[in-house]
Amino acid sequence: MNTYLLPPEHDRKTSDLTDPPSEEETAENDLNPPCVLVFNASDPSGAGGLGGDALAMASVGVHMLPVVTGAYARDTAEIFDHFCFDEEAVAEQARSILEDVEVQLIKVGFVGSPENLSTVAETATDYPEVPVVAYMPNLSWWEDAQIEAYLDAFRDLVLPQVTVLVGNHSTLWRWLLPDWSGERPPGARDIAKAASEFGVPYTLVTGLMLPDQFIDNVLASPQAVLANEKYERLDAVFAGAGDTLSAALSALIASGTDLVAATSEALSYMDRCLDAGFRPGMGHVLPDRLFWAQPEEGDEDDGEPASPSDFALPPHDTRH
């Protein structure tokens, strides 16, 4: 049975930065949770950003190393502005922690500027053994000139380093296939082919519209569709679904799960998060990334201490 954890050019582990570890250090490292370096912005709503990444990754059992690239000014309904960190501040954060901690994966969210994208690309280049998962959010809240400059820099600088690109169908279509003239919308493989021209071996396309109120989420390479999950569309408007999915996928890959299985598990996790979603303000519904920690209906507190099995992710049965 074939697995699609990483292609040969990305089938890599972090190279040693100093002398080889001792047997004691190796045994200790084997007991540590995997570590993921995350470039993303701070989001005060908790819909996405570093806060959302941290909750999703912790749910999978991964330790997140957050590099703050800026901060949103937003509520649960919309993004009003973004305040970008200087690229030197971003580079220094990443350099400092990477000289100390071995990472299993780099995850890229919204970093705010072409200069910060250059920093991300340089970091990934310096650690070629480490796979990179990149999420491209909807940037329609931003100025057109800023969007164009950001997407151009992401395409030219970051995509050549990316192992798995994650994004909504309409977002990736407008970005990677702006001159599409087919009679039908581009499929996941069409988008994967476009991404592969910039060096991306795998693309996870979400939100493909299907008949009868269903949506499809497809993992594809230029050669084939590797996995897909169909869900019923919900009436509620969510914020943070893509951040949740990309963070869970990153954590699962960092934990050693092959790509196809990681995609299926990450989509199931996102499904459960949305099914348990809540509305903390007057805007959109947010995913409950800690749904698994909530007591099941009918459970009673008997005063007994929790056991590790109490925190295991329950079987998923929703299909939204």
C-alpha atoms as a PDB file:
ATOM      1  CA  MET A   1       0.000   0.000   0.000  1.00  0.00           C
ATOM      2  CA  ASN A   2       1.429   3.384  -1.000  1.00  0.00           C
ATOM      3  CA  THR A   3       1.668   6.181   1.527  1.00  0.00           C
ATOM      4  CA  TYR A   4       1.962   9.844   0.672  1.00  0.00           C
ATOM      5  CA  LEU A   5       3.665  11.266   3.725  1.00  0.00           C
ATOM      6  CA  LEU A   6       6.132  13.253   1.628  1.00  0.00           C
ATOM      7  CA  PRO A   7       7.589  12.948  -1.875  1.00  0.00           C
ATOM      8  CA  PRO A   8      11.279  11.976  -2.175  1.00  0.00           C
ATOM      9  CA  GLU A   9      12.511  15.559  -2.325  1.00  0.00           C
ATOM     10  CA  HIS A  10      10.535  16.364   0.813  1.00  0.00           C
ATOM     11  CA  ASP A  11      11.056  13.042   2.627  1.00  0.00           C
ATOM     12  CA  ARG A  12      13.170  14.617   5.268  1.00  0.00           C
ATOM     13  CA  LYS A  13      13.881  15.013   8.958  1.00  0.00           C
ATOM     14  CA  THR A  14      15.511  17.929  10.677  1.00  0.00           C
ATOM     15  CA  SER A  15      19.275  17.757  10.269  1.00  0.00           C
ATOM     16  CA  ASP A  16      21.479  17.938  13.347  1.00  0.00           C
ATOM     17  CA  LEU A  17      22.508  21.478  14.231  1.00  0.00           C
ATOM     18  CA  THR A  18      25.317  20.418  16.580  1.00  0.00           C
ATOM     19  CA  ASP A  19      26.989  17.141  17.508  1.00  0.00           C
ATOM     20  CA  PRO A  20      24.894  13.950  17.306  1.00  0.00           C
ATOM     21  CA  PRO A  21      22.728  13.535  20.451  1.00  0.00           C
ATOM     22  CA  SER A  22      23.696  11.046  23.108  1.00  0.00           C
ATOM     23  CA  GLU A  23      21.615   7.930  23.752  1.00  0.00           C
ATOM     24  CA  GLU A  24      20.113   9.596  26.821  1.00  0.00           C
ATOM     25  CA  GLU A  25      19.188  12.698  24.831  1.00  0.00           C
ATOM     26  CA  THR A  26      17.689  10.572  22.052  1.00  0.00           C
ATOM     27  CA  ALA A  27      15.572   8.625  24.551  1.00  0.00           C
ATOM     28  CA  GLU A  28      14.397  11.861  26.143  1.00  0.00           C
ATOM     29  CA  ASN A  29      13.540  13.395  22.756  1.00  0.00           C
ATOM     30  CA  ASP A  30      11.505  10.324  21.841  1.00  0.00           C
ATOM     31  CA  LEU A  31       9.242  11.080  24.820  1.00  0.00           C
ATOM     32  CA  ASN A  32       8.745  14.715  23.827  1.00  0.00           C
ATOM     33  CA  PRO A  33       5.750  15.803  21.747  1.00  0.00           C
ATOM     34  CA  PRO A  34       6.545  16.813  18.151  1.00  0.00           C
ATOM     35  CA  CYS A  35       7.260  20.519  17.705  1.00  0.00           C
ATOM     36  CA  VAL A  36       5.827  22.691  14.920  1.00  0.00           C
ATOM     37  CA  LEU A  37       7.124  26.164  14.094  1.00  0.00           C
ATOM     38  CA  VAL A  38       4.186  28.392  13.137  1.00  0.00           C
ATOM     39  CA  PHE A  39       4.349  31.748  11.353  1.00  0.00           C
ATOM     40  CA  ASN A  40       1.008  33.500  11.839  1.00  0.00           C
ATOM     41  CA  ALA A  41      -0.704  36.609  13.159  1.00  0.00           C
ATOM     42  CA  SER A  42      -2.378  37.187  16.506  1.00  0.00           C
ATOM     43  CA  ASP A  43      -6.178  37.111  16.257  1.00  0.00           C
ATOM     44  CA  PRO A  44      -8.077  38.698  19.180  1.00  0.00           C
ATOM     45  CA  SER A  45     -11.314  36.946  18.204  1.00  0.00           C
ATOM     46  CA  GLY A  46      -9.781  33.495  18.523  1.00  0.00           C
ATOM     47  CA  ALA A  47     -11.303  32.535  15.176  1.00  0.00           C
ATOM     48  CA  GLY A  48      -7.910  31.786  13.668  1.00  0.00           C
ATOM     49  CA  GLY A  49      -4.352  33.008  13.920  1.00  0.00           C
ATOM     50  CA  LEU A  50      -1.888  31.708  16.468  1.00  0.00           C
ATOM     51  CA  GLY A  51      -4.538  31.123  19.136  1.00  0.00           C
ATOM     52  CA  GLY A  52      -6.517  28.835  16.863  1.00  0.00           C
ATOM     53  CA  ASP A  53      -3.345  27.042  15.739  1.00  0.00           C
ATOM     54  CA  ALA A  54      -2.313  26.419  19.335  1.00  0.00           C
ATOM     55  CA  LEU A  55      -5.645  24.877  20.343  1.00  0.00           C
ATOM     56  CA  ALA A  56      -5.870  22.625  17.286  1.00  0.00           C
ATOM     57  CA  MET A  57      -2.278  21.443  17.555  1.00  0.00           C
ATOM     58  CA  ALA A  58      -2.526  20.810  21.284  1.00  0.00           C
ATOM     59  CA  SER A  59      -5.627  18.718  20.604  1.00  0.00           C
ATOM     60  CA  VAL A  60      -3.508  16.469  18.396  1.00  0.00           C
ATOM     61  CA  GLY A  61      -0.696  16.316  20.949  1.00  0.00           C
ATOM     62  CA  VAL A  62       1.809  18.656  19.303  1.00  0.00           C
ATOM     63  CA  HIS A  63       3.797  21.498  20.868  1.00  0.00           C
ATOM     64  CA  MET A  64       3.515  24.733  18.881  1.00  0.00           C
ATOM     65  CA  LEU A  65       6.387  27.209  18.588  1.00  0.00           C
ATOM     66  CA  PRO A  66       4.616  30.473  17.665  1.00  0.00           C
ATOM     67  CA  VAL A  67       6.322  33.189  15.639  1.00  0.00           C
ATOM     68  CA  VAL A  68       4.151  36.317  15.763  1.00  0.00           C
ATOM     69  CA  THR A  69       4.115  38.050  12.387  1.00  0.00           C
ATOM     70  CA  GLY A  70       1.586  40.750  13.245  1.00  0.00           C
ATOM     71  CA  ALA A  71      -1.853  41.289  14.714  1.00  0.00           C
ATOM     72  CA  TYR A  72      -5.373  41.591  13.346  1.00  0.00           C
ATOM     73  CA  ALA A  73      -7.838  44.222  14.451  1.00  0.00           C
ATOM     74  CA  ARG A  74     -11.063  42.239  14.123  1.00  0.00           C
ATOM     75  CA  ASP A  75     -14.156  40.911  15.789  1.00  0.00           C
ATOM     76  CA  THR A  76     -16.034  37.679  15.147  1.00  0.00           C
ATOM     77  CA  ALA A  77     -17.726  39.135  12.051  1.00  0.00           C
ATOM     78  CA  GLU A  78     -14.966  40.837  10.056  1.00  0.00           C
ATOM     79  CA  ILE A  79     -11.342  41.920   9.825  1.00  0.00           C
ATOM     80  CA  PHE A  80     -10.857  45.680  10.068  1.00  0.00           C
ATOM     81  CA  ASP A  81      -7.084  45.960   9.804  1.00  0.00           C
ATOM     82  CA  HIS A  82      -3.774  44.179  10.254  1.00  0.00           C
ATOM     83  CA  PHE A  83      -0.641  45.506  11.902  1.00  0.00           C
ATOM     84  CA  CYS A  84       2.465  43.868  10.504  1.00  0.00           C
ATOM     85  CA  PHE A  85       5.653  43.105  12.426  1.00  0.00           C
ATOM     86  CA  ASP A  86       8.987  44.166  10.997  1.00  0.00           C
ATOM     87  CA  GLU A  87      10.707  41.332   9.122  1.00  0.00           C
ATOM     88  CA  GLU A  88      13.762  41.534  11.392  1.00  0.00           C
ATOM     89  CA  ALA A  89      11.565  40.919  14.434  1.00  0.00           C
ATOM     90  CA  VAL A  90      10.008  37.908  12.703  1.00  0.00           C
ATOM     91  CA  ALA A  91      13.393  36.541  11.625  1.00  0.00           C
ATOM     92  CA  GLU A  92      14.857  36.935  15.105  1.00  0.00           C
ATOM     93  CA  GLN A  93      11.955  35.049  16.700  1.00  0.00           C
ATOM     94  CA  ALA A  94      12.394  32.137  14.302  1.00  0.00           C
ATOM     95  CA  ARG A  95      16.183  32.093  14.510  1.00  0.00           C
ATOM     96  CA  SER A  96      16.228  32.115  18.310  1.00  0.00           C
ATOM     97  CA  ILE A  97      13.930  29.131  18.768  1.00  0.00           C
ATOM     98  CA  LEU A  98      15.331  27.109  15.856  1.00  0.00           C
ATOM     99  CA  GLU A  99      18.817  27.290  17.359  1.00  0.00           C
ATOM    100  CA  ASP A 100      17.396  25.634  20.472  1.00  0.00           C
ATOM    101  CA  VAL A 101      14.565  23.298  19.442  1.00  0.00           C
ATOM    102  CA  GLU A 102      14.356  20.666  16.706  1.00  0.00           C
ATOM    103  CA  VAL A 103      11.146  21.039  14.724  1.00  0.00           C
ATOM    104  CA  GLN A 104       9.279  18.405  12.757  1.00  0.00           C
ATOM    105  CA  LEU A 105       7.321  20.805  10.530  1.00  0.00           C
ATOM    106  CA  ILE A 106       6.885  24.474   9.606  1.00  0.00           C
ATOM    107  CA  LYS A 107       3.354  25.842   9.215  1.00  0.00           C
ATOM    108  CA  VAL A 108       2.734  29.137   7.414  1.00  0.00           C
ATOM    109  CA  GLY A 109      -0.398  31.197   7.954  1.00  0.00           C
ATOM    110  CA  PHE A 110      -0.920  34.898   7.213  1.00  0.00           C
ATOM    111  CA  VAL A 111       2.335  36.799   7.721  1.00  0.00           C
ATOM    112  CA  GLY A 112       1.288  40.265   6.583  1.00  0.00           C
ATOM    113  CA  SER A 113       3.895  41.428   4.048  1.00  0.00           C
ATOM    114  CA  PRO A 114       6.151  40.346   1.171  1.00  0.00           C
ATOM    115  CA  GLU A 115       9.134  41.071   3.416  1.00  0.00           C
ATOM    116  CA  ASN A 116       7.901  38.598   6.029  1.00  0.00           C
ATOM    117  CA  LEU A 117       7.233  36.059   3.279  1.00  0.00           C
ATOM    118  CA  SER A 118      10.883  36.435   2.280  1.00  0.00           C
ATOM    119  CA  THR A 119      11.860  35.683   5.877  1.00  0.00           C
ATOM    120  CA  VAL A 120       9.648  32.582   5.889  1.00  0.00           C
ATOM    121  CA  ALA A 121      11.192  31.390   2.617  1.00  0.00           C
ATOM    122  CA  GLU A 122      14.727  31.927   3.916  1.00  0.00           C
ATOM    123  CA  THR A 123      13.903  29.982   7.075  1.00  0.00           C
ATOM    124  CA  ALA A 124      12.460  27.071   5.108  1.00  0.00           C
ATOM    125  CA  THR A 125      15.492  27.089   2.817  1.00  0.00           C
ATOM    126  CA  ASP A 126      17.816  26.883   5.814  1.00  0.00           C
ATOM    127  CA  TYR A 127      15.970  23.766   7.040  1.00  0.00           C
ATOM    128  CA  PRO A 128      15.367  21.791   3.826  1.00  0.00           C
ATOM    129  CA  GLU A 129      14.680  18.565   5.755  1.00  0.00           C
ATOM    130  CA  VAL A 130      11.596  20.049   7.419  1.00  0.00           C
ATOM    131  CA  PRO A 131       8.256  19.802   5.533  1.00  0.00           C
ATOM    132  CA  VAL A 132       6.190  22.965   5.124  1.00  0.00           C
ATOM    133  CA  VAL A 133       2.378  23.256   5.256  1.00  0.00           C
ATOM    134  CA  ALA A 134       1.022  26.588   4.007  1.00  0.00           C
ATOM    135  CA  TYR A 135      -2.527  27.902   4.343  1.00  0.00           C
ATOM    136  CA  MET A 136      -3.774  30.672   2.057  1.00  0.00           C
ATOM    137  CA  PRO A 137      -6.750  32.476   3.653  1.00  0.00           C
ATOM    138  CA  ASN A 138      -9.300  34.708   1.957  1.00  0.00           C
ATOM    139  CA  LEU A 139      -7.705  38.169   1.726  1.00  0.00           C
ATOM    140  CA  SER A 140     -10.705  40.045   0.330  1.00  0.00           C
ATOM    141  CA  TRP A 141     -10.766  42.325   3.392  1.00  0.00           C
ATOM    142  CA  TRP A 142      -7.398  43.835   2.310  1.00  0.00           C
ATOM    143  CA  GLU A 143      -6.545  46.518  -0.265  1.00  0.00           C
ATOM    144  CA  ASP A 144      -6.184  45.217  -3.829  1.00  0.00           C
ATOM    145  CA  ALA A 145      -2.593  46.432  -4.208  1.00  0.00           C
ATOM    146  CA  GLN A 146      -1.582  44.737  -0.964  1.00  0.00           C
ATOM    147  CA  ILE A 147      -3.279  41.498  -1.971  1.00  0.00           C
ATOM    148  CA  GLU A 148      -1.521  41.437  -5.336  1.00  0.00           C
ATOM    149  CA  ALA A 149       1.919  42.104  -3.834  1.00  0.00           C
ATOM    150  CA  TYR A 150       1.383  39.482  -1.125  1.00  0.00           C
ATOM    151  CA  LEU A 151       0.153  36.769  -3.494  1.00  0.00           C
ATOM    152  CA  ASP A 152       2.983  37.426  -5.955  1.00  0.00           C
ATOM    153  CA  ALA A 153       5.590  37.131  -3.200  1.00  0.00           C
ATOM    154  CA  PHE A 154       3.950  34.020  -1.772  1.00  0.00           C
ATOM    155  CA  ARG A 155       3.889  32.382  -5.200  1.00  0.00           C
ATOM    156  CA  ASP A 156       7.488  33.213  -6.077  1.00  0.00           C
ATOM    157  CA  LEU A 157       9.192  32.877  -2.681  1.00  0.00           C
ATOM    158  CA  VAL A 158       7.209  30.509  -0.478  1.00  0.00           C
ATOM    159  CA  LEU A 159       5.496  28.027  -2.800  1.00  0.00           C
ATOM    160  CA  PRO A 160       8.812  26.501  -3.954  1.00  0.00           C
ATOM    161  CA  GLN A 161       9.391  25.489  -0.305  1.00  0.00           C
ATOM    162  CA  VAL A 162       5.862  24.177   0.363  1.00  0.00           C
ATOM    163  CA  THR A 163       5.046  20.484   0.765  1.00  0.00           C
ATOM    164  CA  VAL A 164       1.256  20.824   1.182  1.00  0.00           C
ATOM    165  CA  LEU A 165      -0.764  23.889   0.177  1.00  0.00           C
ATOM    166  CA  VAL A 166      -4.190  24.284   1.832  1.00  0.00           C
ATOM    167  CA  GLY A 167      -6.896  26.679   0.711  1.00  0.00           C
ATOM    168  CA  ASN A 168     -10.505  27.195  -0.281  1.00  0.00           C
ATOM    169  CA  HIS A 169     -11.396  26.353  -3.879  1.00  0.00           C
ATOM    170  CA  SER A 170     -12.430  29.887  -4.836  1.00  0.00           C
ATOM    171  CA  THR A 171      -9.345  31.450  -3.179  1.00  0.00           C
ATOM    172  CA  LEU A 172      -6.885  29.101  -4.875  1.00  0.00           C
ATOM    173  CA  TRP A 173      -8.730  29.365  -8.206  1.00  0.00           C
ATOM    174  CA  ARG A 174      -8.513  33.171  -8.291  1.00  0.00           C
ATOM    175  CA  TRP A 175      -4.861  33.084  -7.232  1.00  0.00           C
ATOM    176  CA  LEU A 176      -3.350  30.219  -9.238  1.00  0.00           C
ATOM    177  CA  LEU A 177      -5.678  30.106 -12.261  1.00  0.00           C
ATOM    178  CA  PRO A 178      -6.764  33.725 -12.807  1.00  0.00           C
ATOM    179  CA  ASP A 179      -7.131  33.233 -16.565  1.00  0.00           C
ATOM    180  CA  TRP A 180      -9.152  30.007 -16.367  1.00  0.00           C
ATOM    181  CA  SER A 181     -11.467  29.860 -19.369  1.00  0.00           C
ATOM    182  CA  GLY A 182     -12.900  26.356 -19.143  1.00  0.00           C
ATOM    183  CA  GLU A 183     -16.626  25.736 -19.394  1.00  0.00           C
ATOM    184  CA  ARG A 184     -16.576  24.225 -15.904  1.00  0.00           C
ATOM    185  CA  PRO A 185     -14.806  25.496 -12.764  1.00  0.00           C
ATOM    186  CA  PRO A 186     -11.305  24.075 -12.273  1.00  0.00           C
ATOM    187  CA  GLY A 187     -11.152  20.881 -10.256  1.00  0.00           C
ATOM    188  CA  ALA A 188      -8.755  19.998  -7.462  1.00  0.00           C
ATOM    189  CA  ARG A 189      -6.293  18.405  -9.885  1.00  0.00           C
ATOM    190  CA  ASP A 190      -6.338  21.508 -12.074  1.00  0.00           C
ATOM    191  CA  ILE A 191      -5.416  23.617  -9.075  1.00  0.00           C
ATOM    192  CA  ALA A 192      -2.813  21.063  -7.945  1.00  0.00           C
ATOM    193  CA  LYS A 193      -1.233  21.194 -11.410  1.00  0.00           C
ATOM    194  CA  ALA A 194      -1.064  24.986 -11.226  1.00  0.00           C
ATOM    195  CA  ALA A 195       0.530  24.833  -7.768  1.00  0.00           C
ATOM    196  CA  SER A 196       3.007  22.183  -8.930  1.00  0.00           C
ATOM    197  CA  GLU A 197       4.386  24.619 -11.499  1.00  0.00           C
ATOM    198  CA  PHE A 198       5.816  26.509  -8.530  1.00  0.00           C
ATOM    199  CA  GLY A 199       7.112  23.380  -6.801  1.00  0.00           C
ATOM    200  CA  VAL A 200       4.157  22.287  -4.628  1.00  0.00           C
ATOM    201  CA  PRO A 201       3.709  18.472  -4.711  1.00  0.00           C
ATOM    202  CA  TYR A 202       0.360  18.284  -2.850  1.00  0.00           C
ATOM    203  CA  THR A 203      -2.651  20.605  -2.600  1.00  0.00           C
ATOM    204  CA  LEU A 204      -5.658  20.264  -0.269  1.00  0.00           C
ATOM    205  CA  VAL A 205      -8.588  22.091  -1.887  1.00  0.00           C
ATOM    206  CA  THR A 206     -11.602  22.737   0.340  1.00  0.00           C
ATOM    207  CA  GLY A 207     -15.136  23.928  -0.321  1.00  0.00           C
ATOM    208  CA  LEU A 208     -15.788  22.504  -3.784  1.00  0.00           C
ATOM    209  CA  MET A 209     -19.515  22.898  -4.324  1.00  0.00           C
ATOM    210  CA  LEU A 210     -21.519  19.743  -5.087  1.00  0.00           C
ATOM    211  CA  PRO A 211     -25.227  19.233  -5.810  1.00  0.00           C
ATOM    212  CA  ASP A 212     -27.742  18.744  -3.008  1.00  0.00           C
ATOM    213  CA  GLN A 213     -26.047  21.078  -0.522  1.00  0.00           C
ATOM    214  CA  PHE A 214     -22.821  19.111  -0.226  1.00  0.00           C
ATOM    215  CA  ILE A 215     -19.222  20.287  -0.401  1.00  0.00           C
ATOM    216  CA  ASP A 216     -16.112  18.293  -1.235  1.00  0.00           C
ATOM    217  CA  ASN A 217     -12.595  18.591   0.164  1.00  0.00           C
ATOM    218  CA  VAL A 218      -9.917  17.035  -2.035  1.00  0.00           C
ATOM    219  CA  LEU A 219      -6.247  16.232  -1.558  1.00  0.00           C
ATOM    220  CA  ALA A 220      -4.612  16.102  -4.990  1.00  0.00           C
ATOM    221  CA  SER A 221      -1.289  15.913  -6.746  1.00  0.00           C
ATOM    222  CA  PRO A 222      -0.868  16.841 -10.407  1.00  0.00           C
ATOM    223  CA  GLN A 223      -1.198  13.145 -11.242  1.00  0.00           C
ATOM    224  CA  ALA A 224      -4.110  11.991  -9.099  1.00  0.00           C
ATOM    225  CA  VAL A 225      -6.733  12.631  -6.455  1.00  0.00           C
ATOM    226  CA  LEU A 226      -5.333  11.039  -3.301  1.00  0.00           C
ATOM    227  CA  ALA A 227      -8.208  11.538  -0.868  1.00  0.00           C
ATOM    228  CA  ASN A 228     -11.501  13.346  -0.544  1.00  0.00           C
ATOM    229  CA  GLU A 229     -14.204  13.842   2.078  1.00  0.00           C
ATOM    230  CA  LYS A 230     -17.723  15.091   1.358  1.00  0.00           C
ATOM    231  CA  TYR A 231     -19.779  16.968   3.934  1.00  0.00           C
ATOM    232  CA  GLU A 232     -23.240  18.475   4.093  1.00  0.00           C
ATOM    233  CA  ARG A 233     -23.228  22.250   3.970  1.00  0.00           C
ATOM    234  CA  LEU A 234     -24.322  23.993   7.168  1.00  0.00           C
ATOM    235  CA  ASP A 235     -26.460  27.123   7.208  1.00  0.00           C
ATOM    236  CA  ALA A 236     -24.243  28.867   9.763  1.00  0.00           C
ATOM    237  CA  VAL A 237     -21.377  31.112   8.666  1.00  0.00           C
ATOM    238  CA  PHE A 238     -18.093  30.047  10.278  1.00  0.00           C
ATOM    239  CA  ALA A 239     -14.829  31.882  10.841  1.00  0.00           C
ATOM    240  CA  GLY A 240     -11.628  29.894  11.296  1.00  0.00           C
ATOM    241  CA  ALA A 241     -12.447  26.613   9.552  1.00  0.00           C
ATOM    242  CA  GLY A 242      -9.423  26.752   7.245  1.00  0.00           C
ATOM    243  CA  ASP A 243      -7.088  27.678  10.080  1.00  0.00           C
ATOM    244  CA  THR A 244      -8.411  24.725  12.069  1.00  0.00           C
ATOM    245  CA  LEU A 245      -7.941  22.279   9.208  1.00  0.00           C
ATOM    246  CA  SER A 246      -4.435  23.403   8.268  1.00  0.00           C
ATOM    247  CA  ALA A 247      -3.268  23.393  11.897  1.00  0.00           C
ATOM    248  CA  ALA A 248      -4.618  19.893  12.535  1.00  0.00           C
ATOM    249  CA  LEU A 249      -3.090  18.618   9.291  1.00  0.00           C
ATOM    250  CA  SER A 250       0.278  20.133  10.220  1.00  0.00           C
ATOM    251  CA  ALA A 251       0.190  18.533  13.657  1.00  0.00           C
ATOM    252  CA  LEU A 252      -0.738  15.108  12.323  1.00  0.00           C
ATOM    253  CA  ILE A 253       2.020  15.133   9.695  1.00  0.00           C
ATOM    254  CA  ALA A 254       4.504  16.277  12.344  1.00  0.00           C
ATOM    255  CA  SER A 255       3.408  13.319  14.458  1.00  0.00           C
ATOM    256  CA  GLY A 256       4.378  10.917  11.668  1.00  0.00           C
ATOM    257  CA  THR A 257       0.959  10.230  10.124  1.00  0.00           C
ATOM    258  CA  ASP A 258       1.096   9.671   6.365  1.00  0.00           C
ATOM    259  CA  LEU A 259      -0.449  12.428   4.310  1.00  0.00           C
ATOM    260  CA  VAL A 260      -3.611  10.651   3.170  1.00  0.00           C
ATOM    261  CA  ALA A 261      -4.488   9.465   6.680  1.00  0.00           C
ATOM    262  CA  ALA A 262      -3.546  12.867   8.138  1.00  0.00           C
ATOM    263  CA  THR A 263      -5.863  14.596   5.660  1.00  0.00           C
ATOM    264  CA  SER A 264      -8.789  12.341   6.541  1.00  0.00           C
ATOM    265  CA  GLU A 265      -8.215  12.780  10.287  1.00  0.00           C
ATOM    266  CA  ALA A 266      -7.775  16.548   9.991  1.00  0.00           C
ATOM    267  CA  LEU A 267     -11.011  16.894   8.014  1.00  0.00           C
ATOM    268  CA  SER A 268     -12.853  14.766  10.568  1.00  0.00           C
ATOM    269  CA  TYR A 269     -11.449  16.911  13.373  1.00  0.00           C
ATOM    270  CA  MET A 270     -12.548  20.098  11.609  1.00  0.00           C
ATOM    271  CA  ASP A 271     -15.989  18.576  11.099  1.00  0.00           C
ATOM    272  CA  ARG A 272     -16.378  17.910  14.805  1.00  0.00           C
ATOM    273  CA  CYS A 273     -15.085  21.389  15.661  1.00  0.00           C
ATOM    274  CA  LEU A 274     -17.692  22.986  13.403  1.00  0.00           C
ATOM    275  CA  ASP A 275     -20.450  20.698  14.629  1.00  0.00           C
ATOM    276  CA  ALA A 276     -19.709  21.884  18.189  1.00  0.00           C
ATOM    277  CA  GLY A 277     -19.235  25.491  17.047  1.00  0.00           C
ATOM    278  CA  PHE A 278     -20.316  28.401  19.214  1.00  0.00           C
ATOM    279  CA  ARG A 279     -21.044  32.106  18.776  1.00  0.00           C
ATOM    280  CA  PRO A 280     -19.192  34.113  21.455  1.00  0.00           C
ATOM    281  CA  GLY A 281     -20.173  37.488  20.008  1.00  0.00           C
ATOM    282  CA  MET A 282     -22.573  38.982  17.497  1.00  0.00           C
ATOM    283  CA  GLY A 283     -20.707  37.725  14.428  1.00  0.00           C
ATOM    284  CA  HIS A 284     -19.869  34.333  12.982  1.00  0.00           C
ATOM    285  CA  VAL A 285     -19.781  30.903  14.597  1.00  0.00           C
ATOM    286  CA  LEU A 286     -16.311  29.795  15.738  1.00  0.00           C
ATOM    287  CA  PRO A 287     -15.029  26.204  15.746  1.00  0.00           C
ATOM    288  CA  ASP A 288     -14.814  24.573  19.165  1.00  0.00           C
ATOM    289  CA  ARG A 289     -11.349  23.082  18.894  1.00  0.00           C
ATOM    290  CA  LEU A 290     -11.676  21.601  22.375  1.00  0.00           C
ATOM    291  CA  PHE A 291     -14.963  19.808  21.726  1.00  0.00           C
ATOM    292  CA  TRP A 292     -13.336  16.564  22.870  1.00  0.00           C
ATOM    293  CA  ALA A 293     -12.779  17.983  26.365  1.00  0.00           C
ATOM    294  CA  GLN A 294     -16.460  18.760  26.909  1.00  0.00           C
ATOM    295  CA  PRO A 295     -18.526  16.239  28.915  1.00  0.00           C
ATOM    296  CA  GLU A 296     -20.817  14.058  26.865  1.00  0.00           C
ATOM    297  CA  GLU A 297     -24.548  14.505  27.366  1.00  0.00           C
ATOM    298  CA  GLY A 298     -25.667  12.488  30.370  1.00  0.00           C
ATOM    299  CA  ASP A 299     -22.194  12.265  31.899  1.00  0.00           C
ATOM    300  CA  GLU A 300     -22.060  12.955  35.605  1.00  0.00           C
ATOM    301  CA  ASP A 301     -19.110  14.114  37.647  1.00  0.00           C
ATOM    302  CA  ASP A 302     -18.430  11.276  40.053  1.00  0.00           C
ATOM    303  CA  GLY A 303     -15.470  13.022  41.647  1.00  0.00           C
ATOM    304  CA  GLU A 304     -12.953  10.576  40.195  1.00  0.00           C
ATOM    305  CA  PRO A 305      -9.771  12.041  38.685  1.00  0.00           C
ATOM    306  CA  ALA A 306      -9.596  12.010  34.907  1.00  0.00           C
ATOM    307  CA  SER A 307      -7.581   9.293  33.214  1.00  0.00           C
ATOM    308  CA  PRO A 308      -5.633   9.777  29.963  1.00  0.00           C
ATOM    309  CA  SER A 309      -8.352   7.957  28.035  1.00  0.00           C
ATOM    310  CA  ASP A 310     -10.831  10.635  29.094  1.00  0.00           C
ATOM    311  CA  PHE A 311      -9.036  13.042  26.755  1.00  0.00           C
ATOM    312  CA  ALA A 312      -8.880  10.803  23.691  1.00  0.00           C
ATOM    313  CA  LEU A 313     -10.638  12.130  20.616  1.00  0.00           C
ATOM    314  CA  PRO A 314     -14.050  10.434  20.326  1.00  0.00           C
ATOM    315  CA  PRO A 315     -15.070   8.681  17.102  1.00  0.00           C
ATOM    316  CA  HIS A 316     -16.434  11.149  14.601  1.00  0.00           C
ATOM    317  CA  ASP A 317     -19.964  10.675  13.342  1.00  0.00           C
ATOM    318  CA  THR A 318     -20.920  14.066  11.942  1.00  0.00           C
ATOM    319  CA  ARG A 319     -20.623  14.798   8.239  1.00  0.00           C
ATOM    320  CA  HIS A 320     -20.964  18.589   8.016  1.00  0.00           C
END
